[in-house]
Every structure is written in structure tokens, then in C-alpha cells.
Amino acid sequence: HVNMLIYYRRLGQIYMTIAALELDLDDASQCFG
């Protein structure tokens, strides 16, 4: 519970990183693969 409180914003950054990576991967895969 303390880890959730301290790293609440970091988990949000992890979500944003995963979503951004997926979008960039899909964009790169449309041309090749």
C-alpha cells in the first residue's frame, strides 16, 4: 500500500510508456511487417 502511494505517478508513467510504445510499434509495422 505504501508502494502504491509513493509510486502512484510512476505507475501512470508506465501505462503511458506502454501505450506510446504500442502506437509507435503499430506505426512502424504498417510499412514493414
ModelCIF file with pLDDT and N, C-alpha, C, O atoms, coordinates in Angstrom:
data_MODEL
#
_entry.id   MODEL 
#
_entity.id                         1 
_entity.type                       polymer 
_entity.pdbx_number_of_molecules   1 
#
_entity_poly.entity_id                      1 
_entity_poly.type                           'polypeptide(L)' 
_entity_poly.nstd_linkage                   no 
_entity_poly.nstd_monomer                   no 
_entity_poly.pdbx_seq_one_letter_code       HVNMLIYYRRLGQIYMTIAALELDLDDASQCFG 
_entity_poly.pdbx_seq_one_letter_code_can   HVNMLIYYRRLGQIYMTIAALELDLDDASQCFG 
_entity_poly.pdbx_strand_id                 A 
#
loop_
_entity_poly_seq.entity_id 
_entity_poly_seq.num 
_entity_poly_seq.mon_id 
_entity_poly_seq.hetero 
1 1  HIS n 
1 2  VAL n 
1 3  ASN n 
1 4  MET n 
1 5  LEU n 
1 6  ILE n 
1 7  TYR n 
1 8  TYR n 
1 9  ARG n 
1 10 ARG n 
1 11 LEU n 
1 12 GLY n 
1 13 GLN n 
1 14 ILE n 
1 15 TYR n 
1 16 MET n 
1 17 THR n 
1 18 ILE n 
1 19 ALA n 
1 20 ALA n 
1 21 LEU n 
1 22 GLU n 
1 23 LEU n 
1 24 ASP n 
1 25 LEU n 
1 26 ASP n 
1 27 ASP n 
1 28 ALA n 
1 29 SER n 
1 30 GLN n 
1 31 CYS n 
1 32 PHE n 
1 33 GLY n 
#
_struct_asym.id          A 
_struct_asym.entity_id   1 
#
loop_
_ma_qa_metric.id 
_ma_qa_metric.mode 
_ma_qa_metric.name 
_ma_qa_metric.software_group_id 
_ma_qa_metric.type 
1 global pLDDT . pLDDT 
2 local  pLDDT . pLDDT 
#
_ma_qa_metric_global.metric_id      1 
_ma_qa_metric_global.metric_value   85.91 
_ma_qa_metric_global.model_id       1 
_ma_qa_metric_global.ordinal_id     1 
#
loop_
_ma_qa_metric_local.label_asym_id 
_ma_qa_metric_local.label_comp_id 
_ma_qa_metric_local.label_seq_id 
_ma_qa_metric_local.metric_id 
_ma_qa_metric_local.metric_value 
_ma_qa_metric_local.model_id 
_ma_qa_metric_local.ordinal_id 
A HIS 1  2 92.00 1 1  
A VAL 2  2 92.00 1 2  
A ASN 3  2 92.00 1 3  
A MET 4  2 90.00 1 4  
A LEU 5  2 90.00 1 5  
A ILE 6  2 91.00 1 6  
A TYR 7  2 91.00 1 7  
A TYR 8  2 89.00 1 8  
A ARG 9  2 89.00 1 9  
A ARG 10 2 92.00 1 10 
A LEU 11 2 90.00 1 11 
A GLY 12 2 89.00 1 12 
A GLN 13 2 92.00 1 13 
A ILE 14 2 92.00 1 14 
A TYR 15 2 92.00 1 15 
A MET 16 2 91.00 1 16 
A THR 17 2 92.00 1 17 
A ILE 18 2 92.00 1 18 
A ALA 19 2 91.00 1 19 
A ALA 20 2 91.00 1 20 
A LEU 21 2 91.00 1 21 
A GLU 22 2 89.00 1 22 
A LEU 23 2 89.00 1 23 
A ASP 24 2 87.00 1 24 
A LEU 25 2 86.00 1 25 
A ASP 26 2 84.00 1 26 
A ASP 27 2 82.00 1 27 
A ALA 28 2 77.00 1 28 
A SER 29 2 75.00 1 29 
A GLN 30 2 72.00 1 30 
A CYS 31 2 66.00 1 31 
A PHE 32 2 61.00 1 32 
A GLY 33 2 56.00 1 33 
#
loop_
_atom_site.group_PDB 
_atom_site.id 
_atom_site.type_symbol 
_atom_site.label_atom_id 
_atom_site.label_alt_id 
_atom_site.label_comp_id 
_atom_site.label_asym_id 
_atom_site.label_entity_id 
_atom_site.label_seq_id 
_atom_site.pdbx_PDB_ins_code 
_atom_site.Cartn_x 
_atom_site.Cartn_y 
_atom_site.Cartn_z 
_atom_site.occupancy 
_atom_site.B_iso_or_equiv 
_atom_site.pdbx_formal_charge 
_atom_site.auth_seq_id 
_atom_site.auth_comp_id 
_atom_site.auth_asym_id 
_atom_site.auth_atom_id 
_atom_site.pdbx_PDB_model_num 
ATOM 1   N N  . HIS A 1 1  ? 0.818 -1.215 0.000   1.00 92.00 ? 1  HIS A N  1 
ATOM 2   C CA . HIS A 1 1  ? 0.000 0.000  0.000   1.00 92.00 ? 1  HIS A CA 1 
ATOM 3   C C  . HIS A 1 1  ? 0.848 1.260  0.000   1.00 92.00 ? 1  HIS A C  1 
ATOM 4   O O  . HIS A 1 1  ? 0.515 2.225  -0.687  1.00 92.00 ? 1  HIS A O  1 
ATOM 5   N N  . VAL A 1 2  ? 1.940 1.269  0.760   1.00 92.00 ? 2  VAL A N  1 
ATOM 6   C CA . VAL A 1 2  ? 2.832 2.434  0.749   1.00 92.00 ? 2  VAL A CA 1 
ATOM 7   C C  . VAL A 1 2  ? 3.503 2.569  -0.615  1.00 92.00 ? 2  VAL A C  1 
ATOM 8   O O  . VAL A 1 2  ? 3.698 3.682  -1.104  1.00 92.00 ? 2  VAL A O  1 
ATOM 9   N N  . ASN A 1 3  ? 3.857 1.442  -1.228  1.00 92.00 ? 3  ASN A N  1 
ATOM 10  C CA . ASN A 1 3  ? 4.454 1.464  -2.564  1.00 92.00 ? 3  ASN A CA 1 
ATOM 11  C C  . ASN A 1 3  ? 3.489 2.058  -3.582  1.00 92.00 ? 3  ASN A C  1 
ATOM 12  O O  . ASN A 1 3  ? 3.903 2.813  -4.461  1.00 92.00 ? 3  ASN A O  1 
ATOM 13  N N  . MET A 1 4  ? 2.195 1.720  -3.470  1.00 90.00 ? 4  MET A N  1 
ATOM 14  C CA . MET A 1 4  ? 1.187 2.314  -4.353  1.00 90.00 ? 4  MET A CA 1 
ATOM 15  C C  . MET A 1 4  ? 1.113 3.820  -4.176  1.00 90.00 ? 4  MET A C  1 
ATOM 16  O O  . MET A 1 4  ? 0.984 4.563  -5.149  1.00 90.00 ? 4  MET A O  1 
ATOM 17  N N  . LEU A 1 5  ? 1.194 4.267  -2.934  1.00 90.00 ? 5  LEU A N  1 
ATOM 18  C CA . LEU A 1 5  ? 1.093 5.696  -2.647  1.00 90.00 ? 5  LEU A CA 1 
ATOM 19  C C  . LEU A 1 5  ? 2.304 6.460  -3.169  1.00 90.00 ? 5  LEU A C  1 
ATOM 20  O O  . LEU A 1 5  ? 2.160 7.514  -3.789  1.00 90.00 ? 5  LEU A O  1 
ATOM 21  N N  . ILE A 1 6  ? 3.500 5.924  -2.917  1.00 91.00 ? 6  ILE A N  1 
ATOM 22  C CA . ILE A 1 6  ? 4.724 6.625  -3.306  1.00 91.00 ? 6  ILE A CA 1 
ATOM 23  C C  . ILE A 1 6  ? 4.901 6.647  -4.822  1.00 91.00 ? 6  ILE A C  1 
ATOM 24  O O  . ILE A 1 6  ? 5.276 7.665  -5.403  1.00 91.00 ? 6  ILE A O  1 
ATOM 25  N N  . TYR A 1 7  ? 4.624 5.504  -5.450  1.00 91.00 ? 7  TYR A N  1 
ATOM 26  C CA . TYR A 1 7  ? 4.865 5.368  -6.890  1.00 91.00 ? 7  TYR A CA 1 
ATOM 27  C C  . TYR A 1 7  ? 3.581 5.448  -7.707  1.00 91.00 ? 7  TYR A C  1 
ATOM 28  O O  . TYR A 1 7  ? 3.478 4.832  -8.768  1.00 91.00 ? 7  TYR A O  1 
ATOM 29  N N  . TYR A 1 8  ? 2.611 6.198  -7.221  1.00 89.00 ? 8  TYR A N  1 
ATOM 30  C CA . TYR A 1 8  ? 1.350 6.336  -7.966  1.00 89.00 ? 8  TYR A CA 1 
ATOM 31  C C  . TYR A 1 8  ? 1.606 6.969  -9.343  1.00 89.00 ? 8  TYR A C  1 
ATOM 32  O O  . TYR A 1 8  ? 1.099 6.480  -10.352 1.00 89.00 ? 8  TYR A O  1 
ATOM 33  N N  . ARG A 1 9  ? 2.373 8.030  -9.381  1.00 89.00 ? 9  ARG A N  1 
ATOM 34  C CA . ARG A 1 9  ? 2.658 8.694  -10.661 1.00 89.00 ? 9  ARG A CA 1 
ATOM 35  C C  . ARG A 1 9  ? 3.564 7.836  -11.552 1.00 89.00 ? 9  ARG A C  1 
ATOM 36  O O  . ARG A 1 9  ? 3.429 7.853  -12.775 1.00 89.00 ? 9  ARG A O  1 
ATOM 37  N N  . ARG A 1 10 ? 4.478 7.094  -10.942 1.00 92.00 ? 10 ARG A N  1 
ATOM 38  C CA . ARG A 1 10 ? 5.353 6.229  -11.743 1.00 92.00 ? 10 ARG A CA 1 
ATOM 39  C C  . ARG A 1 10 ? 4.557 5.156  -12.467 1.00 92.00 ? 10 ARG A C  1 
ATOM 40  O O  . ARG A 1 10 ? 4.857 4.839  -13.619 1.00 92.00 ? 10 ARG A O  1 
ATOM 41  N N  . LEU A 1 11 ? 3.543 4.588  -11.809 1.00 90.00 ? 11 LEU A N  1 
ATOM 42  C CA . LEU A 1 11 ? 2.698 3.595  -12.487 1.00 90.00 ? 11 LEU A CA 1 
ATOM 43  C C  . LEU A 1 11 ? 1.969 4.235  -13.652 1.00 90.00 ? 11 LEU A C  1 
ATOM 44  O O  . LEU A 1 11 ? 1.806 3.615  -14.703 1.00 90.00 ? 11 LEU A O  1 
ATOM 45  N N  . GLY A 1 12 ? 1.526 5.487  -13.472 1.00 89.00 ? 12 GLY A N  1 
ATOM 46  C CA . GLY A 1 12 ? 0.902 6.202  -14.595 1.00 89.00 ? 12 GLY A CA 1 
ATOM 47  C C  . GLY A 1 12 ? 1.874 6.397  -15.745 1.00 89.00 ? 12 GLY A C  1 
ATOM 48  O O  . GLY A 1 12 ? 1.489 6.279  -16.908 1.00 89.00 ? 12 GLY A O  1 
ATOM 49  N N  . GLN A 1 13 ? 3.141 6.695  -15.430 1.00 92.00 ? 13 GLN A N  1 
ATOM 50  C CA . GLN A 1 13 ? 4.155 6.820  -16.480 1.00 92.00 ? 13 GLN A CA 1 
ATOM 51  C C  . GLN A 1 13 ? 4.397 5.489  -17.180 1.00 92.00 ? 13 GLN A C  1 
ATOM 52  O O  . GLN A 1 13 ? 4.640 5.457  -18.387 1.00 92.00 ? 13 GLN A O  1 
ATOM 53  N N  . ILE A 1 14 ? 4.334 4.398  -16.436 1.00 92.00 ? 14 ILE A N  1 
ATOM 54  C CA . ILE A 1 14 ? 4.492 3.071  -17.054 1.00 92.00 ? 14 ILE A CA 1 
ATOM 55  C C  . ILE A 1 14 ? 3.354 2.805  -18.029 1.00 92.00 ? 14 ILE A C  1 
ATOM 56  O O  . ILE A 1 14 ? 3.582 2.304  -19.130 1.00 92.00 ? 14 ILE A O  1 
ATOM 57  N N  . TYR A 1 15 ? 2.125 3.138  -17.630 1.00 92.00 ? 15 TYR A N  1 
ATOM 58  C CA . TYR A 1 15 ? 0.994 2.986  -18.537 1.00 92.00 ? 15 TYR A CA 1 
ATOM 59  C C  . TYR A 1 15 ? 1.191 3.817  -19.802 1.00 92.00 ? 15 TYR A C  1 
ATOM 60  O O  . TYR A 1 15 ? 0.962 3.332  -20.910 1.00 92.00 ? 15 TYR A O  1 
ATOM 61  N N  . MET A 1 16 ? 1.612 5.054  -19.638 1.00 91.00 ? 16 MET A N  1 
ATOM 62  C CA . MET A 1 16 ? 1.814 5.932  -20.795 1.00 91.00 ? 16 MET A CA 1 
ATOM 63  C C  . MET A 1 16 ? 2.924 5.410  -21.696 1.00 91.00 ? 16 MET A C  1 
ATOM 64  O O  . MET A 1 16 ? 2.824 5.500  -22.920 1.00 91.00 ? 16 MET A O  1 
ATOM 65  N N  . THR A 1 17 ? 3.985 4.863  -21.097 1.00 92.00 ? 17 THR A N  1 
ATOM 66  C CA . THR A 1 17 ? 5.084 4.324  -21.886 1.00 92.00 ? 17 THR A CA 1 
ATOM 67  C C  . THR A 1 17 ? 4.635 3.122  -22.713 1.00 92.00 ? 17 THR A C  1 
ATOM 68  O O  . THR A 1 17 ? 4.982 3.003  -23.888 1.00 92.00 ? 17 THR A O  1 
ATOM 69  N N  . ILE A 1 18 ? 3.858 2.232  -22.089 1.00 92.00 ? 18 ILE A N  1 
ATOM 70  C CA . ILE A 1 18 ? 3.363 1.050  -22.811 1.00 92.00 ? 18 ILE A CA 1 
ATOM 71  C C  . ILE A 1 18 ? 2.460 1.470  -23.962 1.00 92.00 ? 18 ILE A C  1 
ATOM 72  O O  . ILE A 1 18 ? 2.575 0.944  -25.069 1.00 92.00 ? 18 ILE A O  1 
ATOM 73  N N  . ALA A 1 19 ? 1.551 2.427  -23.701 1.00 91.00 ? 19 ALA A N  1 
ATOM 74  C CA . ALA A 1 19 ? 0.642 2.892  -24.755 1.00 91.00 ? 19 ALA A CA 1 
ATOM 75  C C  . ALA A 1 19 ? 1.407 3.570  -25.889 1.00 91.00 ? 19 ALA A C  1 
ATOM 76  O O  . ALA A 1 19 ? 1.107 3.341  -27.061 1.00 91.00 ? 19 ALA A O  1 
ATOM 77  N N  . ALA A 1 20 ? 2.403 4.408  -25.547 1.00 91.00 ? 20 ALA A N  1 
ATOM 78  C CA . ALA A 1 20 ? 3.185 5.084  -26.577 1.00 91.00 ? 20 ALA A CA 1 
ATOM 79  C C  . ALA A 1 20 ? 4.005 4.091  -27.391 1.00 91.00 ? 20 ALA A C  1 
ATOM 80  O O  . ALA A 1 20 ? 4.097 4.211  -28.613 1.00 91.00 ? 20 ALA A O  1 
ATOM 81  N N  . LEU A 1 21 ? 4.597 3.118  -26.721 1.00 91.00 ? 21 LEU A N  1 
ATOM 82  C CA . LEU A 1 21 ? 5.353 2.093  -27.439 1.00 91.00 ? 21 LEU A CA 1 
ATOM 83  C C  . LEU A 1 21 ? 4.476 1.305  -28.398 1.00 91.00 ? 21 LEU A C  1 
ATOM 84  O O  . LEU A 1 21 ? 4.886 1.006  -29.520 1.00 91.00 ? 21 LEU A O  1 
ATOM 85  N N  . GLU A 1 22 ? 3.276 0.970  -27.960 1.00 89.00 ? 22 GLU A N  1 
ATOM 86  C CA . GLU A 1 22 ? 2.375 0.218  -28.840 1.00 89.00 ? 22 GLU A CA 1 
ATOM 87  C C  . GLU A 1 22 ? 2.010 1.029  -30.079 1.00 89.00 ? 22 GLU A C  1 
ATOM 88  O O  . GLU A 1 22 ? 1.986 0.496  -31.188 1.00 89.00 ? 22 GLU A O  1 
ATOM 89  N N  . LEU A 1 23 ? 1.725 2.319  -29.890 1.00 89.00 ? 23 LEU A N  1 
ATOM 90  C CA . LEU A 1 23 ? 1.378 3.166  -31.031 1.00 89.00 ? 23 LEU A CA 1 
ATOM 91  C C  . LEU A 1 23 ? 2.543 3.277  -32.006 1.00 89.00 ? 23 LEU A C  1 
ATOM 92  O O  . LEU A 1 23 ? 2.351 3.180  -33.218 1.00 89.00 ? 23 LEU A O  1 
ATOM 93  N N  . ASP A 1 24 ? 3.750 3.480  -31.485 1.00 87.00 ? 24 ASP A N  1 
ATOM 94  C CA . ASP A 1 24 ? 4.914 3.583  -32.358 1.00 87.00 ? 24 ASP A CA 1 
ATOM 95  C C  . ASP A 1 24 ? 5.225 2.253  -33.043 1.00 87.00 ? 24 ASP A C  1 
ATOM 96  O O  . ASP A 1 24 ? 5.641 2.232  -34.201 1.00 87.00 ? 24 ASP A O  1 
ATOM 97  N N  . LEU A 1 25 ? 5.025 1.153  -32.335 1.00 86.00 ? 25 LEU A N  1 
ATOM 98  C CA . LEU A 1 25 ? 5.237 -0.161 -32.949 1.00 86.00 ? 25 LEU A CA 1 
ATOM 99  C C  . LEU A 1 25 ? 4.244 -0.412 -34.080 1.00 86.00 ? 25 LEU A C  1 
ATOM 100 O O  . LEU A 1 25 ? 4.615 -0.912 -35.142 1.00 86.00 ? 25 LEU A O  1 
ATOM 101 N N  . ASP A 1 26 ? 2.985 -0.062 -33.845 1.00 84.00 ? 26 ASP A N  1 
ATOM 102 C CA . ASP A 1 26 ? 1.980 -0.234 -34.898 1.00 84.00 ? 26 ASP A CA 1 
ATOM 103 C C  . ASP A 1 26 ? 2.293 0.650  -36.096 1.00 84.00 ? 26 ASP A C  1 
ATOM 104 O O  . ASP A 1 26 ? 2.107 0.237  -37.241 1.00 84.00 ? 26 ASP A O  1 
ATOM 105 N N  . ASP A 1 27 ? 2.771 1.873  -35.835 1.00 82.00 ? 27 ASP A N  1 
ATOM 106 C CA . ASP A 1 27 ? 3.118 2.771  -36.935 1.00 82.00 ? 27 ASP A CA 1 
ATOM 107 C C  . ASP A 1 27 ? 4.286 2.231  -37.746 1.00 82.00 ? 27 ASP A C  1 
ATOM 108 O O  . ASP A 1 27 ? 4.302 2.324  -38.973 1.00 82.00 ? 27 ASP A O  1 
ATOM 109 N N  . ALA A 1 28 ? 5.277 1.654  -37.032 1.00 77.00 ? 28 ALA A N  1 
ATOM 110 C CA . ALA A 1 28 ? 6.427 1.079  -37.735 1.00 77.00 ? 28 ALA A CA 1 
ATOM 111 C C  . ALA A 1 28 ? 6.064 -0.205 -38.471 1.00 77.00 ? 28 ALA A C  1 
ATOM 112 O O  . ALA A 1 28 ? 6.649 -0.515 -39.508 1.00 77.00 ? 28 ALA A O  1 
ATOM 113 N N  . SER A 1 29 ? 5.097 -0.953 -37.934 1.00 75.00 ? 29 SER A N  1 
ATOM 114 C CA . SER A 1 29 ? 4.739 -2.244 -38.539 1.00 75.00 ? 29 SER A CA 1 
ATOM 115 C C  . SER A 1 29 ? 3.838 -2.090 -39.753 1.00 75.00 ? 29 SER A C  1 
ATOM 116 O O  . SER A 1 29 ? 3.752 -3.009 -40.569 1.00 75.00 ? 29 SER A O  1 
ATOM 117 N N  . GLN A 1 30 ? 3.168 -0.957 -39.895 1.00 72.00 ? 30 GLN A N  1 
ATOM 118 C CA . GLN A 1 30 ? 2.278 -0.773 -41.037 1.00 72.00 ? 30 GLN A CA 1 
ATOM 119 C C  . GLN A 1 30 ? 3.039 -0.760 -42.349 1.00 72.00 ? 30 GLN A C  1 
ATOM 120 O O  . GLN A 1 30 ? 2.531 -1.225 -43.370 1.00 72.00 ? 30 GLN A O  1 
ATOM 121 N N  . CYS A 1 31 ? 4.264 -0.227 -42.328 1.00 66.00 ? 31 CYS A N  1 
ATOM 122 C CA . CYS A 1 31 ? 5.086 -0.183 -43.539 1.00 66.00 ? 31 CYS A CA 1 
ATOM 123 C C  . CYS A 1 31 ? 5.883 -1.464 -43.751 1.00 66.00 ? 31 CYS A C  1 
ATOM 124 O O  . CYS A 1 31 ? 6.064 -1.916 -44.881 1.00 66.00 ? 31 CYS A O  1 
ATOM 125 N N  . PHE A 1 32 ? 6.353 -2.040 -42.655 1.00 61.00 ? 32 PHE A N  1 
ATOM 126 C CA . PHE A 1 32 ? 7.192 -3.235 -42.757 1.00 61.00 ? 32 PHE A CA 1 
ATOM 127 C C  . PHE A 1 32 ? 6.734 -4.267 -41.736 1.00 61.00 ? 32 PHE A C  1 
ATOM 128 O O  . PHE A 1 32 ? 6.923 -4.086 -40.533 1.00 61.00 ? 32 PHE A O  1 
ATOM 129 N N  . GLY A 1 33 ? 6.146 -5.326 -42.208 1.00 56.00 ? 33 GLY A N  1 
ATOM 130 C CA . GLY A 1 33 ? 5.788 -6.441 -41.335 1.00 56.00 ? 33 GLY A CA 1 
ATOM 131 C C  . GLY A 1 33 ? 4.315 -6.648 -41.128 1.00 56.00 ? 33 GLY A C  1 
ATOM 132 O O  . GLY A 1 33 ? 3.915 -7.563 -40.409 1.00 56.00 ? 33 GLY A O  1 
#
